[in-house]
């Protein structure tokens, strides 16, 4: 895997997929998509086995390799 998964849509999608398929995750609705060549959106919820829930929304700048929002 690339050292910074925030550089491409494909790398970040793989990073998120690996994160939500861990044993402690019961269910996930997280989606990753691109709205241009240089930016992407990540949105959804991760439901953990211990009844915790993480709701997330990120805007990613693939050119800079940063989460900008």
PDB file of N, CA and C in Angstrom:
ATOM      1  N   UNK A   1       0.848  -1.186   0.000  1.00  0.00           N
ATOM      2  CA  UNK A   1       0.000   0.000   0.000  1.00  0.00           C
ATOM      3  C   UNK A   1       0.886   1.240   0.000  1.00  0.00           C
ATOM      4  N   UNK A   2       0.399   2.252  -0.622  1.00  0.00           N
ATOM      5  CA  UNK A   2       1.093   3.538  -0.664  1.00  0.00           C
ATOM      6  C   UNK A   2       1.244   4.086   0.761  1.00  0.00           C
ATOM      7  N   UNK A   3       2.325   4.833   1.014  1.00  0.00           N
ATOM      8  CA  UNK A   3       2.577   5.340   2.361  1.00  0.00           C
ATOM      9  C   UNK A   3       1.494   6.320   2.834  1.00  0.00           C
ATOM     10  N   UNK A   4       0.905   7.084   1.936  1.00  0.00           N
ATOM     11  CA  UNK A   4      -0.181   7.993   2.289  1.00  0.00           C
ATOM     12  C   UNK A   4      -1.410   7.619   1.459  1.00  0.00           C
ATOM     13  N   UNK A   5      -2.381   6.922   2.075  1.00  0.00           N
ATOM     14  CA  UNK A   5      -3.555   6.507   1.308  1.00  0.00           C
ATOM     15  C   UNK A   5      -4.447   7.671   0.870  1.00  0.00           C
ATOM     16  N   UNK A   6      -4.146   8.881   1.329  1.00  0.00           N
ATOM     17  CA  UNK A   6      -4.948  10.048   0.945  1.00  0.00           C
ATOM     18  C   UNK A   6      -4.539  10.611  -0.409  1.00  0.00           C
ATOM     19  N   UNK A   7      -3.683   9.938  -1.133  1.00  0.00           N
ATOM     20  CA  UNK A   7      -3.196  10.446  -2.422  1.00  0.00           C
ATOM     21  C   UNK A   7      -4.069  10.062  -3.609  1.00  0.00           C
ATOM     22  N   UNK A   8      -4.827   8.966  -3.501  1.00  0.00           N
ATOM     23  CA  UNK A   8      -5.691   8.555  -4.617  1.00  0.00           C
ATOM     24  C   UNK A   8      -7.009   7.992  -4.085  1.00  0.00           C
ATOM     25  N   UNK A   9      -8.019   8.052  -4.894  1.00  0.00           N
ATOM     26  CA  UNK A   9      -9.323   7.492  -4.530  1.00  0.00           C
ATOM     27  C   UNK A   9      -9.195   5.991  -4.295  1.00  0.00           C
ATOM     28  N   UNK A  10      -8.480   5.306  -5.156  1.00  0.00           N
ATOM     29  CA  UNK A  10      -8.312   3.860  -5.034  1.00  0.00           C
ATOM     30  C   UNK A  10      -7.609   3.488  -3.726  1.00  0.00           C
ATOM     31  N   UNK A  11      -6.513   4.171  -3.405  1.00  0.00           N
ATOM     32  CA  UNK A  11      -5.769   3.869  -2.178  1.00  0.00           C
ATOM     33  C   UNK A  11      -6.615   4.138  -0.938  1.00  0.00           C
ATOM     34  N   UNK A  12      -7.360   5.238  -0.928  1.00  0.00           N
ATOM     35  CA  UNK A  12      -8.165   5.551   0.251  1.00  0.00           C
ATOM     36  C   UNK A  12      -9.358   4.607   0.373  1.00  0.00           C
ATOM     37  N   UNK A  13      -9.942   4.223  -0.745  1.00  0.00           N
ATOM     38  CA  UNK A  13     -11.031   3.242  -0.716  1.00  0.00           C
ATOM     39  C   UNK A  13     -10.546   1.927  -0.115  1.00  0.00           C
ATOM     40  N   UNK A  14      -9.357   1.486  -0.500  1.00  0.00           N
ATOM     41  CA  UNK A  14      -8.787   0.259   0.064  1.00  0.00           C
ATOM     42  C   UNK A  14      -8.516   0.413   1.559  1.00  0.00           C
ATOM     43  N   UNK A  15      -8.001   1.568   1.964  1.00  0.00           N
ATOM     44  CA  UNK A  15      -7.728   1.850   3.372  1.00  0.00           C
ATOM     45  C   UNK A  15      -9.019   1.767   4.199  1.00  0.00           C
ATOM     46  N   UNK A  16     -10.081   2.382   3.716  1.00  0.00           N
ATOM     47  CA  UNK A  16     -11.373   2.362   4.423  1.00  0.00           C
ATOM     48  C   UNK A  16     -11.920   0.945   4.458  1.00  0.00           C
ATOM     49  N   UNK A  17     -11.821   0.223   3.353  1.00  0.00           N
ATOM     50  CA  UNK A  17     -12.311  -1.162   3.306  1.00  0.00           C
ATOM     51  C   UNK A  17     -11.609  -2.027   4.337  1.00  0.00           C
ATOM     52  N   UNK A  18     -10.301  -1.885   4.457  1.00  0.00           N
ATOM     53  CA  UNK A  18      -9.556  -2.647   5.466  1.00  0.00           C
ATOM     54  C   UNK A  18     -10.006  -2.272   6.878  1.00  0.00           C
ATOM     55  N   UNK A  19     -10.285  -1.003   7.106  1.00  0.00           N
ATOM     56  CA  UNK A  19     -10.694  -0.539   8.436  1.00  0.00           C
ATOM     57  C   UNK A  19     -12.067  -1.078   8.836  1.00  0.00           C
ATOM     58  N   UNK A  20     -12.999  -1.120   7.904  1.00  0.00           N
ATOM     59  CA  UNK A  20     -14.368  -1.527   8.259  1.00  0.00           C
ATOM     60  C   UNK A  20     -14.575  -3.041   8.226  1.00  0.00           C
ATOM     61  N   UNK A  21     -13.568  -3.803   7.836  1.00  0.00           N
ATOM     62  CA  UNK A  21     -13.702  -5.269   7.851  1.00  0.00           C
ATOM     63  C   UNK A  21     -12.985  -5.885   9.049  1.00  0.00           C
ATOM     64  N   UNK A  22     -12.639  -5.081  10.031  1.00  0.00           N
ATOM     65  CA  UNK A  22     -12.011  -5.600  11.250  1.00  0.00           C
ATOM     66  C   UNK A  22     -13.029  -6.342  12.100  1.00  0.00           C
ATOM     67  N   UNK A  23     -12.539  -7.194  12.957  1.00  0.00           N
ATOM     68  CA  UNK A  23     -13.402  -8.027  13.802  1.00  0.00           C
ATOM     69  C   UNK A  23     -14.316  -7.194  14.691  1.00  0.00           C
ATOM     70  N   UNK A  24     -13.853  -6.056  15.165  1.00  0.00           N
ATOM     71  CA  UNK A  24     -14.651  -5.242  16.084  1.00  0.00           C
ATOM     72  C   UNK A  24     -15.782  -4.479  15.400  1.00  0.00           C
ATOM     73  N   UNK A  25     -15.821  -4.476  14.070  1.00  0.00           N
ATOM     74  CA  UNK A  25     -16.870  -3.767  13.330  1.00  0.00           C
ATOM     75  C   UNK A  25     -17.994  -4.740  12.998  1.00  0.00           C
ATOM     76  N   UNK A  26     -19.188  -4.394  13.456  1.00  0.00           N
ATOM     77  CA  UNK A  26     -20.365  -5.225  13.205  1.00  0.00           C
ATOM     78  C   UNK A  26     -20.980  -4.932  11.830  1.00  0.00           C
ATOM     79  N   UNK A  27     -21.049  -3.646  11.482  1.00  0.00           N
ATOM     80  CA  UNK A  27     -21.722  -3.239  10.238  1.00  0.00           C
ATOM     81  C   UNK A  27     -21.201  -1.860   9.850  1.00  0.00           C
ATOM     82  N   UNK A  28     -21.200  -1.560   8.559  1.00  0.00           N
ATOM     83  CA  UNK A  28     -20.739  -0.252   8.097  1.00  0.00           C
ATOM     84  C   UNK A  28     -21.568   0.210   6.906  1.00  0.00           C
ATOM     85  N   UNK A  29     -21.818   1.519   6.862  1.00  0.00           N
ATOM     86  CA  UNK A  29     -22.486   2.139   5.712  1.00  0.00           C
ATOM     87  C   UNK A  29     -21.573   3.148   5.031  1.00  0.00           C
ATOM     88  N   UNK A  30     -20.280   3.087   5.308  1.00  0.00           N
ATOM     89  CA  UNK A  30     -19.324   4.069   4.796  1.00  0.00           C
ATOM     90  C   UNK A  30     -19.142   3.900   3.291  1.00  0.00           C
ATOM     91  N   UNK A  31     -19.238   5.017   2.578  1.00  0.00           N
ATOM     92  CA  UNK A  31     -19.016   5.063   1.129  1.00  0.00           C
ATOM     93  C   UNK A  31     -17.921   6.069   0.823  1.00  0.00           C
ATOM     94  N   UNK A  32     -17.127   5.765  -0.193  1.00  0.00           N
ATOM     95  CA  UNK A  32     -16.064   6.652  -0.644  1.00  0.00           C
ATOM     96  C   UNK A  32     -16.300   6.914  -2.122  1.00  0.00           C
ATOM     97  N   UNK A  33     -16.324   8.197  -2.515  1.00  0.00           N
ATOM     98  CA  UNK A  33     -16.488   8.523  -3.927  1.00  0.00           C
ATOM     99  C   UNK A  33     -15.748   9.807  -4.241  1.00  0.00           C
ATOM    100  N   UNK A  34     -15.558  10.039  -5.512  1.00  0.00           N
ATOM    101  CA  UNK A  34     -14.838  11.228  -5.960  1.00  0.00           C
ATOM    102  C   UNK A  34     -15.812  12.174  -6.634  1.00  0.00           C
ATOM    103  N   UNK A  35     -15.666  13.456  -6.338  1.00  0.00           N
ATOM    104  CA  UNK A  35     -16.485  14.444  -7.035  1.00  0.00           C
ATOM    105  C   UNK A  35     -15.661  15.236  -8.046  1.00  0.00           C
ATOM    106  N   UNK A  36     -14.366  14.946  -8.121  1.00  0.00           N
ATOM    107  CA  UNK A  36     -13.492  15.486  -9.162  1.00  0.00           C
ATOM    108  C   UNK A  36     -12.199  14.673  -9.151  1.00  0.00           C
ATOM    109  N   UNK A  37     -11.293  14.990 -10.041  1.00  0.00           N
ATOM    110  CA  UNK A  37     -10.018  14.270 -10.114  1.00  0.00           C
ATOM    111  C   UNK A  37      -9.185  14.481  -8.847  1.00  0.00           C
ATOM    112  N   UNK A  38      -9.379  15.588  -8.168  1.00  0.00           N
ATOM    113  CA  UNK A  38      -8.527  15.960  -7.040  1.00  0.00           C
ATOM    114  C   UNK A  38      -9.182  15.878  -5.674  1.00  0.00           C
ATOM    115  N   UNK A  39     -10.496  15.641  -5.613  1.00  0.00           N
ATOM    116  CA  UNK A  39     -11.181  15.614  -4.321  1.00  0.00           C
ATOM    117  C   UNK A  39     -12.088  14.404  -4.187  1.00  0.00           C
ATOM    118  N   UNK A  40     -12.324  14.019  -2.947  1.00  0.00           N
ATOM    119  CA  UNK A  40     -13.207  12.895  -2.668  1.00  0.00           C
ATOM    120  C   UNK A  40     -14.017  13.141  -1.415  1.00  0.00           C
ATOM    121  N   UNK A  41     -15.059  12.336  -1.253  1.00  0.00           N
ATOM    122  CA  UNK A  41     -15.953  12.415  -0.102  1.00  0.00           C
ATOM    123  C   UNK A  41     -16.033  11.027   0.529  1.00  0.00           C
ATOM    124  N   UNK A  42     -16.033  10.993   1.854  1.00  0.00           N
ATOM    125  CA  UNK A  42     -16.230   9.765   2.612  1.00  0.00           C
ATOM    126  C   UNK A  42     -17.353  10.051   3.592  1.00  0.00           C
ATOM    127  N   UNK A  43     -18.356   9.170   3.591  1.00  0.00           N
ATOM    128  CA  UNK A  43     -19.526   9.453   4.417  1.00  0.00           C
ATOM    129  C   UNK A  43     -20.175   8.148   4.848  1.00  0.00           C
ATOM    130  N   UNK A  44     -20.665   8.110   6.081  1.00  0.00           N
ATOM    131  CA  UNK A  44     -21.398   6.947   6.557  1.00  0.00           C
ATOM    132  C   UNK A  44     -21.198   6.711   8.036  1.00  0.00           C
ATOM    133  N   UNK A  45     -21.581   5.514   8.468  1.00  0.00           N
ATOM    134  CA  UNK A  45     -21.476   5.144   9.872  1.00  0.00           C
ATOM    135  C   UNK A  45     -20.795   3.793   9.996  1.00  0.00           C
ATOM    136  N   UNK A  46     -20.068   3.630  11.096  1.00  0.00           N
ATOM    137  CA  UNK A  46     -19.472   2.350  11.436  1.00  0.00           C
ATOM    138  C   UNK A  46     -20.079   1.921  12.767  1.00  0.00           C
ATOM    139  N   UNK A  47     -20.657   0.735  12.776  1.00  0.00           N
ATOM    140  CA  UNK A  47     -21.283   0.184  13.974  1.00  0.00           C
ATOM    141  C   UNK A  47     -20.351  -0.881  14.546  1.00  0.00           C
ATOM    142  N   UNK A  48     -19.887  -0.662  15.769  1.00  0.00           N
ATOM    143  CA  UNK A  48     -18.950  -1.579  16.402  1.00  0.00           C
ATOM    144  C   UNK A  48     -19.681  -2.623  17.232  1.00  0.00           C
ATOM    145  N   UNK A  49     -19.020  -3.736  17.486  1.00  0.00           N
ATOM    146  CA  UNK A  49     -19.603  -4.852  18.233  1.00  0.00           C
ATOM    147  C   UNK A  49     -20.001  -4.473  19.654  1.00  0.00           C
ATOM    148  N   UNK A  50     -19.367  -3.468  20.242  1.00  0.00           N
ATOM    149  CA  UNK A  50     -19.669  -3.060  21.620  1.00  0.00           C
ATOM    150  C   UNK A  50     -20.740  -1.970  21.695  1.00  0.00           C
ATOM    151  N   UNK A  51     -21.563  -1.850  20.664  1.00  0.00           N
ATOM    152  CA  UNK A  51     -22.682  -0.899  20.589  1.00  0.00           C
ATOM    153  C   UNK A  51     -22.271   0.559  20.437  1.00  0.00           C
ATOM    154  N   UNK A  52     -21.010   0.814  20.116  1.00  0.00           N
ATOM    155  CA  UNK A  52     -20.586   2.174  19.771  1.00  0.00           C
ATOM    156  C   UNK A  52     -20.829   2.390  18.288  1.00  0.00           C
ATOM    157  N   UNK A  53     -21.055   3.652  17.940  1.00  0.00           N
ATOM    158  CA  UNK A  53     -21.282   4.004  16.541  1.00  0.00           C
ATOM    159  C   UNK A  53     -20.455   5.236  16.210  1.00  0.00           C
ATOM    160  N   UNK A  54     -19.777   5.190  15.066  1.00  0.00           N
ATOM    161  CA  UNK A  54     -18.990   6.317  14.582  1.00  0.00           C
ATOM    162  C   UNK A  54     -19.651   6.847  13.319  1.00  0.00           C
ATOM    163  N   UNK A  55     -20.075   8.090  13.367  1.00  0.00           N
ATOM    164  CA  UNK A  55     -20.672   8.750  12.202  1.00  0.00           C
ATOM    165  C   UNK A  55     -19.590   9.658  11.622  1.00  0.00           C
ATOM    166  N   UNK A  56     -19.362   9.560  10.304  1.00  0.00           N
ATOM    167  CA  UNK A  56     -18.258  10.325   9.720  1.00  0.00           C
ATOM    168  C   UNK A  56     -18.633  10.947   8.385  1.00  0.00           C
ATOM    169  N   UNK A  57     -17.967  12.060   8.112  1.00  0.00           N
ATOM    170  CA  UNK A  57     -18.025  12.723   6.812  1.00  0.00           C
ATOM    171  C   UNK A  57     -16.698  13.432   6.627  1.00  0.00           C
ATOM    172  N   UNK A  58     -15.990  13.093   5.570  1.00  0.00           N
ATOM    173  CA  UNK A  58     -14.692  13.695   5.285  1.00  0.00           C
ATOM    174  C   UNK A  58     -14.668  14.216   3.855  1.00  0.00           C
ATOM    175  N   UNK A  59     -13.961  15.304   3.658  1.00  0.00           N
ATOM    176  CA  UNK A  59     -13.641  15.792   2.324  1.00  0.00           C
ATOM    177  C   UNK A  59     -12.130  15.678   2.185  1.00  0.00           C
ATOM    178  N   UNK A  60     -11.678  15.046   1.117  1.00  0.00           N
ATOM    179  CA  UNK A  60     -10.260  14.754   0.943  1.00  0.00           C
ATOM    180  C   UNK A  60      -9.725  15.467  -0.279  1.00  0.00           C
ATOM    181  N   UNK A  61      -8.549  16.059  -0.118  1.00  0.00           N
ATOM    182  CA  UNK A  61      -7.810  16.678  -1.218  1.00  0.00           C
ATOM    183  C   UNK A  61      -6.717  15.686  -1.608  1.00  0.00           C
ATOM    184  N   UNK A  62      -6.930  14.922  -2.704  1.00  0.00           N
ATOM    185  CA  UNK A  62      -5.975  13.915  -3.128  1.00  0.00           C
ATOM    186  C   UNK A  62      -4.664  14.535  -3.618  1.00  0.00           C
ATOM    187  N   UNK A  63      -4.740  15.717  -4.172  1.00  0.00           N
ATOM    188  CA  UNK A  63      -3.525  16.386  -4.659  1.00  0.00           C
ATOM    189  C   UNK A  63      -2.581  16.714  -3.493  1.00  0.00           C
ATOM    190  N   UNK A  64      -3.134  17.215  -2.385  1.00  0.00           N
ATOM    191  CA  UNK A  64      -2.342  17.557  -1.208  1.00  0.00           C
ATOM    192  C   UNK A  64      -2.150  16.369  -0.266  1.00  0.00           C
ATOM    193  N   UNK A  65      -2.994  15.328  -0.418  1.00  0.00           N
ATOM    194  CA  UNK A  65      -2.907  14.183   0.472  1.00  0.00           C
ATOM    195  C   UNK A  65      -3.412  14.486   1.870  1.00  0.00           C
ATOM    196  N   UNK A  66      -4.479  15.315   1.958  1.00  0.00           N
ATOM    197  CA  UNK A  66      -4.996  15.771   3.261  1.00  0.00           C
ATOM    198  C   UNK A  66      -6.506  15.626   3.372  1.00  0.00           C
ATOM    199  N   UNK A  67      -6.980  15.403   4.585  1.00  0.00           N
ATOM    200  CA  UNK A  67      -8.403  15.532   4.885  1.00  0.00           C
ATOM    201  C   UNK A  67      -8.627  17.008   5.159  1.00  0.00           C
ATOM    202  N   UNK A  68      -9.439  17.665   4.345  1.00  0.00           N
ATOM    203  CA  UNK A  68      -9.601  19.114   4.460  1.00  0.00           C
ATOM    204  C   UNK A  68     -10.855  19.515   5.233  1.00  0.00           C
ATOM    205  N   UNK A  69     -11.734  18.564   5.455  1.00  0.00           N
ATOM    206  CA  UNK A  69     -12.953  18.864   6.214  1.00  0.00           C
ATOM    207  C   UNK A  69     -13.498  17.576   6.785  1.00  0.00           C
TER     208      UNK A  69
END
